Amino acid sequence: MAMKNTLTTLDGILDRRVVLEQPATGYRVAMDTVFLAAAVPALAGDRVLDLGCGVGGAMLALACRVRGITGVGIEIQPELAELCRRNIERNDFAAGLTVRQGDAGDFPQDLRGAFNHAVINPPYHEESRHDVSADAIKRIANSEKSGDLPLWIAGAAGALKPEGSLTIIHRADRRDEILACLQTAFGDVHILPLLPKEGAAPKRIILLARKNALFSVREARPLVLHKETGGYSDTAEAVLRHGQGLAMEG
């Protein structure tokens, strides 16, 4: 399968309840996407924004878990935006989900204040501090330019209704930086560390924050991803294969 000379593959998530067309090399949907979608506290009838939606993995995983949501994805790369459109149609969510090509840091005015929830899986690596990929699609998806993260969070704040939620997955070592960015417009922050295995340091964290809430930070008991003997933990398996949600609040 090809699109503008980009080789693609068809891959499944949530035990293939969602099928994604994505580049064969470079940018690829990973389990981070599914865990992010599992942590969004959406209900049927809610409207969700996916900033930097890529091929639509998080938005589609959420729509599969919570039937009846509507959503908009914003994606800067035209190749990925086109694949996202195809994936929405392929998975029969065209009635509720759409995608626009655009910059997450330059949010469309007509969508301001329109969403109950926003989802961000931003580039993890500062462009000036790591070796950028030779693959153009992967480089843009994974490499963060200076000042991008505050712009993404500000864009989400502008998109949300009062007291709307923002869910982010990111590197655990950038926890304090993310919290500093959130303080401008968000509070009531809940953090879930993701541990590769029991006793290991977290590599990823999921953060859930509420717009206009008093600023506080609560950290949940970590989620262990893998058993000592190999394979996913029971909780990780329930999320990745069976579409179970993650309770971030309470």
Protein backbone atom coordinates (compact mmCIF):
# COMPACT_ATOMS: atom_id res chain seq x y z
CA MET A 1 0.00 0.00 0.00
CA ALA A 2 1.38 3.43 -0.84
CA MET A 3 0.49 7.06 -0.46
CA LYS A 4 2.65 9.78 -2.00
CA ASN A 5 5.54 7.29 -2.12
CA THR A 6 5.08 6.50 1.58
CA LEU A 7 4.77 2.77 2.26
CA THR A 8 2.06 2.01 4.82
CA THR A 9 0.83 -1.01 6.77
CA LEU A 10 -2.45 -1.98 8.38
CA ASP A 11 -2.08 -2.67 12.11
CA GLY A 12 -4.50 -3.32 14.94
CA ILE A 13 -4.81 -1.99 18.47
CA LEU A 14 -7.27 -3.04 21.19
CA ASP A 15 -7.07 -6.61 19.93
CA ARG A 16 -7.77 -5.27 16.42
CA ARG A 17 -11.03 -3.61 17.36
CA VAL A 18 -9.33 -0.56 15.84
CA VAL A 19 -7.35 -0.99 12.60
CA LEU A 20 -4.85 1.72 11.66
CA GLU A 21 -3.10 2.49 8.41
CA GLN A 22 0.25 4.04 9.28
CA PRO A 23 3.72 4.55 7.81
CA ALA A 24 5.68 1.31 7.62
CA THR A 25 8.76 3.04 9.02
CA GLY A 26 9.32 6.16 11.07
CA TYR A 27 6.27 7.32 13.01
CA ARG A 28 4.34 4.35 14.46
CA VAL A 29 1.52 4.18 17.00
CA ALA A 30 2.81 2.67 20.27
CA MET A 31 1.19 1.50 23.49
CA ASP A 32 1.56 5.04 24.90
CA THR A 33 -1.29 6.01 22.58
CA VAL A 34 -3.64 3.39 24.02
CA PHE A 35 -2.80 4.24 27.63
CA LEU A 36 -3.39 7.93 26.90
CA ALA A 37 -6.83 7.21 25.45
CA ALA A 38 -7.67 4.96 28.41
CA ALA A 39 -7.03 7.81 30.85
CA VAL A 40 -9.45 10.34 29.30
CA PRO A 41 -12.55 10.72 31.55
CA ALA A 42 -14.96 11.11 28.64
CA LEU A 43 -18.62 10.13 28.65
CA ALA A 44 -21.07 9.57 25.80
CA GLY A 45 -22.04 12.93 24.32
CA ASP A 46 -18.76 14.63 25.23
CA ARG A 47 -16.66 16.43 22.64
CA VAL A 48 -12.92 15.61 22.53
CA LEU A 49 -9.96 17.34 20.89
CA ASP A 50 -6.82 15.39 19.94
CA LEU A 51 -3.94 17.82 19.40
CA GLY A 52 -1.25 16.32 17.18
CA CYS A 53 -3.46 13.35 16.41
CA GLY A 54 -1.12 11.62 13.96
CA VAL A 55 -2.95 8.76 12.24
CA GLY A 56 -5.75 8.97 14.81
CA GLY A 57 -4.74 6.23 17.25
CA ALA A 58 -5.73 7.95 20.49
CA MET A 59 -8.94 9.46 19.14
CA LEU A 60 -10.07 6.15 17.66
CA ALA A 61 -9.13 4.12 20.75
CA LEU A 62 -11.17 6.52 22.88
CA ALA A 63 -14.14 6.41 20.50
CA CYS A 64 -14.00 2.61 20.59
CA ARG A 65 -14.05 2.59 24.41
CA VAL A 66 -16.63 5.38 24.91
CA ARG A 67 -19.32 5.13 22.27
CA GLY A 68 -21.16 8.34 21.49
CA ILE A 69 -18.33 10.86 21.81
CA THR A 70 -17.56 13.32 19.03
CA GLY A 71 -14.04 14.47 18.28
CA VAL A 72 -11.70 16.59 16.21
CA GLY A 73 -8.05 15.81 15.51
CA ILE A 74 -5.49 18.47 14.63
CA GLU A 75 -2.40 17.24 12.74
CA ILE A 76 0.31 19.35 11.11
CA GLN A 77 1.65 16.73 8.70
CA PRO A 78 -0.60 16.32 5.63
CA GLU A 79 0.42 12.67 5.13
CA LEU A 80 -0.62 11.74 8.66
CA ALA A 81 -3.79 13.83 8.49
CA GLU A 82 -4.80 11.96 5.33
CA LEU A 83 -4.12 8.61 7.01
CA CYS A 84 -6.19 9.76 9.98
CA ARG A 85 -9.11 10.52 7.66
CA ARG A 86 -8.81 7.06 6.13
CA ASN A 87 -8.65 5.44 9.56
CA ILE A 88 -11.75 7.27 10.78
CA GLU A 89 -13.65 5.95 7.76
CA ARG A 90 -12.11 2.47 7.99
CA ASN A 91 -13.28 2.08 11.58
CA ASP A 92 -16.79 3.49 10.91
CA PHE A 93 -16.44 6.64 13.02
CA ALA A 94 -16.98 9.20 10.25
CA ALA A 95 -20.28 10.28 11.82
CA GLY A 96 -18.55 11.50 14.98
CA LEU A 97 -14.84 12.13 14.28
CA THR A 98 -13.07 14.54 11.93
CA VAL A 99 -9.51 15.69 11.34
CA ARG A 100 -8.04 19.02 10.27
CA GLN A 101 -4.55 19.74 9.04
CA GLY A 102 -3.03 22.45 11.21
CA ASP A 103 -0.55 23.36 13.92
CA ALA A 104 -1.35 22.39 17.51
CA GLY A 105 0.38 25.58 18.65
CA ASP A 106 -1.78 27.80 16.41
CA PHE A 107 -5.27 26.73 17.37
CA PRO A 108 -8.25 27.46 15.07
CA GLN A 109 -10.42 30.27 16.40
CA ASP A 110 -13.68 28.56 15.52
CA LEU A 111 -12.92 25.67 17.89
CA ARG A 112 -12.16 27.74 20.98
CA GLY A 113 -14.08 26.80 24.11
CA ALA A 114 -15.81 23.93 22.29
CA PHE A 115 -14.47 20.79 23.99
CA ASN A 116 -15.06 18.82 27.19
CA HIS A 117 -11.70 17.07 26.93
CA ALA A 118 -8.35 17.56 25.19
CA VAL A 119 -5.72 14.90 24.59
CA ILE A 120 -2.02 15.50 23.92
CA ASN A 121 0.71 13.02 22.97
CA PRO A 122 3.34 15.64 22.12
CA PRO A 123 6.86 15.15 20.76
CA TYR A 124 8.91 13.72 23.65
CA HIS A 125 12.41 14.84 22.70
CA GLU A 126 13.81 18.35 22.63
CA GLU A 127 15.26 18.91 19.17
CA SER A 128 18.44 20.46 20.57
CA ARG A 129 19.15 17.54 22.92
CA HIS A 130 18.83 14.38 20.85
CA ASP A 131 19.74 12.99 17.46
CA VAL A 132 16.85 13.73 15.14
CA SER A 133 15.53 11.02 12.84
CA ALA A 134 16.42 11.03 9.15
CA ASP A 135 12.78 10.14 8.49
CA ALA A 136 10.91 13.44 8.00
CA ILE A 137 7.55 12.22 9.35
CA LYS A 138 9.12 10.66 12.45
CA ARG A 139 11.34 13.72 13.00
CA ILE A 140 8.37 16.11 13.14
CA ALA A 141 6.30 13.71 15.29
CA ASN A 142 9.06 13.07 17.84
CA SER A 143 11.16 16.25 17.97
CA GLU A 144 10.02 19.23 20.00
CA LYS A 145 11.25 22.69 19.14
CA SER A 146 12.01 25.11 21.97
CA GLY A 147 8.82 26.55 23.46
CA ASP A 148 6.47 24.06 21.80
CA LEU A 149 5.18 22.37 24.96
CA PRO A 150 3.75 25.56 26.53
CA LEU A 151 2.10 26.38 23.19
CA TRP A 152 0.44 22.96 23.04
CA ILE A 153 -0.87 23.29 26.59
CA ALA A 154 -2.07 26.85 25.95
CA GLY A 155 -3.82 25.64 22.80
CA ALA A 156 -5.60 22.94 24.79
CA ALA A 157 -6.66 25.47 27.42
CA GLY A 158 -8.18 27.71 24.76
CA ALA A 159 -10.05 24.79 23.23
CA LEU A 160 -11.62 23.57 26.46
CA LYS A 161 -14.84 24.59 28.12
CA PRO A 162 -14.61 25.81 31.74
CA GLU A 163 -13.53 22.89 33.96
CA GLY A 164 -12.73 20.75 30.91
CA SER A 165 -10.01 18.12 31.24
CA LEU A 166 -6.58 17.82 29.64
CA THR A 167 -4.86 14.43 29.47
CA ILE A 168 -1.15 14.21 28.55
CA ILE A 169 1.34 11.38 28.27
CA HIS A 170 5.01 12.31 28.39
CA ARG A 171 8.45 11.38 29.66
CA ALA A 172 8.62 11.00 33.43
CA ASP A 173 11.82 13.06 33.63
CA ARG A 174 9.92 16.11 32.34
CA ARG A 175 7.32 16.00 35.12
CA ASP A 176 8.29 19.31 36.75
CA GLU A 177 8.47 21.13 33.43
CA ILE A 178 4.99 19.94 32.46
CA LEU A 179 3.56 20.92 35.86
CA ALA A 180 5.04 24.40 35.48
CA CYS A 181 3.33 24.77 32.09
CA LEU A 182 0.00 23.55 33.49
CA GLN A 183 -0.10 26.12 36.32
CA THR A 184 -1.05 28.92 33.93
CA ALA A 185 -4.54 27.54 33.20
CA PHE A 186 -4.95 24.18 34.95
CA GLY A 187 -5.16 22.64 38.40
CA ASP A 188 -6.31 19.52 40.24
CA VAL A 189 -3.55 17.52 38.54
CA HIS A 190 -3.51 13.73 38.84
CA ILE A 191 -0.36 11.84 37.83
CA LEU A 192 -0.10 8.14 36.99
CA PRO A 193 3.48 6.82 36.64
CA LEU A 194 3.98 3.95 34.20
CA LEU A 195 6.68 1.52 35.33
CA PRO A 196 8.33 -0.88 32.84
CA LYS A 197 8.37 -3.49 35.64
CA GLU A 198 8.02 -3.69 39.42
CA GLY A 199 10.74 -1.68 41.20
CA ALA A 200 11.88 0.16 38.05
CA ALA A 201 11.81 3.93 37.65
CA PRO A 202 8.95 5.26 35.51
CA LYS A 203 9.77 6.21 31.93
CA ARG A 204 6.34 7.64 31.15
CA ILE A 205 3.70 9.49 33.14
CA ILE A 206 0.09 10.32 32.36
CA LEU A 207 -1.23 13.62 33.70
CA LEU A 208 -4.89 14.61 33.98
CA ALA A 209 -5.63 18.26 34.79
CA ARG A 210 -8.76 20.40 35.04
CA LYS A 211 -9.08 23.85 33.51
CA ASN A 212 -9.57 26.71 35.99
CA ALA A 213 -9.21 24.43 39.04
CA LEU A 214 -7.09 25.25 42.09
CA PHE A 215 -3.57 24.00 41.55
CA SER A 216 -2.77 20.78 43.39
CA VAL A 217 -0.90 17.63 42.46
CA ARG A 218 -1.78 14.08 43.44
CA GLU A 219 0.22 11.04 42.36
CA ALA A 220 -1.50 7.68 42.01
CA ARG A 221 0.00 4.29 42.71
CA PRO A 222 2.16 3.42 39.69
CA LEU A 223 0.90 1.11 36.98
CA VAL A 224 3.34 -1.73 36.33
CA LEU A 225 3.41 -2.63 32.63
CA HIS A 226 5.24 -5.97 32.59
CA LYS A 227 5.43 -9.04 34.80
CA GLU A 228 8.79 -10.22 36.12
CA THR A 229 8.37 -13.38 34.05
CA GLY A 230 7.65 -11.40 30.88
CA GLY A 231 4.44 -10.35 29.18
CA TYR A 232 2.08 -7.58 30.17
CA SER A 233 0.70 -7.22 33.67
CA ASP A 234 -3.00 -8.00 34.12
CA THR A 235 -3.86 -4.28 34.31
CA ALA A 236 -1.83 -3.42 31.22
CA GLU A 237 -3.38 -6.34 29.34
CA ALA A 238 -6.87 -5.13 30.26
CA VAL A 239 -6.11 -1.69 28.83
CA LEU A 240 -4.16 -2.71 25.73
CA ARG A 241 -6.26 -5.66 24.60
CA HIS A 242 -9.68 -5.29 26.19
CA GLY A 243 -10.14 -1.51 26.10
CA GLN A 244 -10.47 -0.96 29.84
CA GLY A 245 -10.22 2.63 31.04
CA LEU A 246 -7.85 4.01 33.67
CA ALA A 247 -9.38 5.77 36.69
CA MET A 248 -7.17 8.85 37.11
CA GLU A 249 -9.38 10.72 39.58
CA GLY A 250 -10.74 9.59 42.95
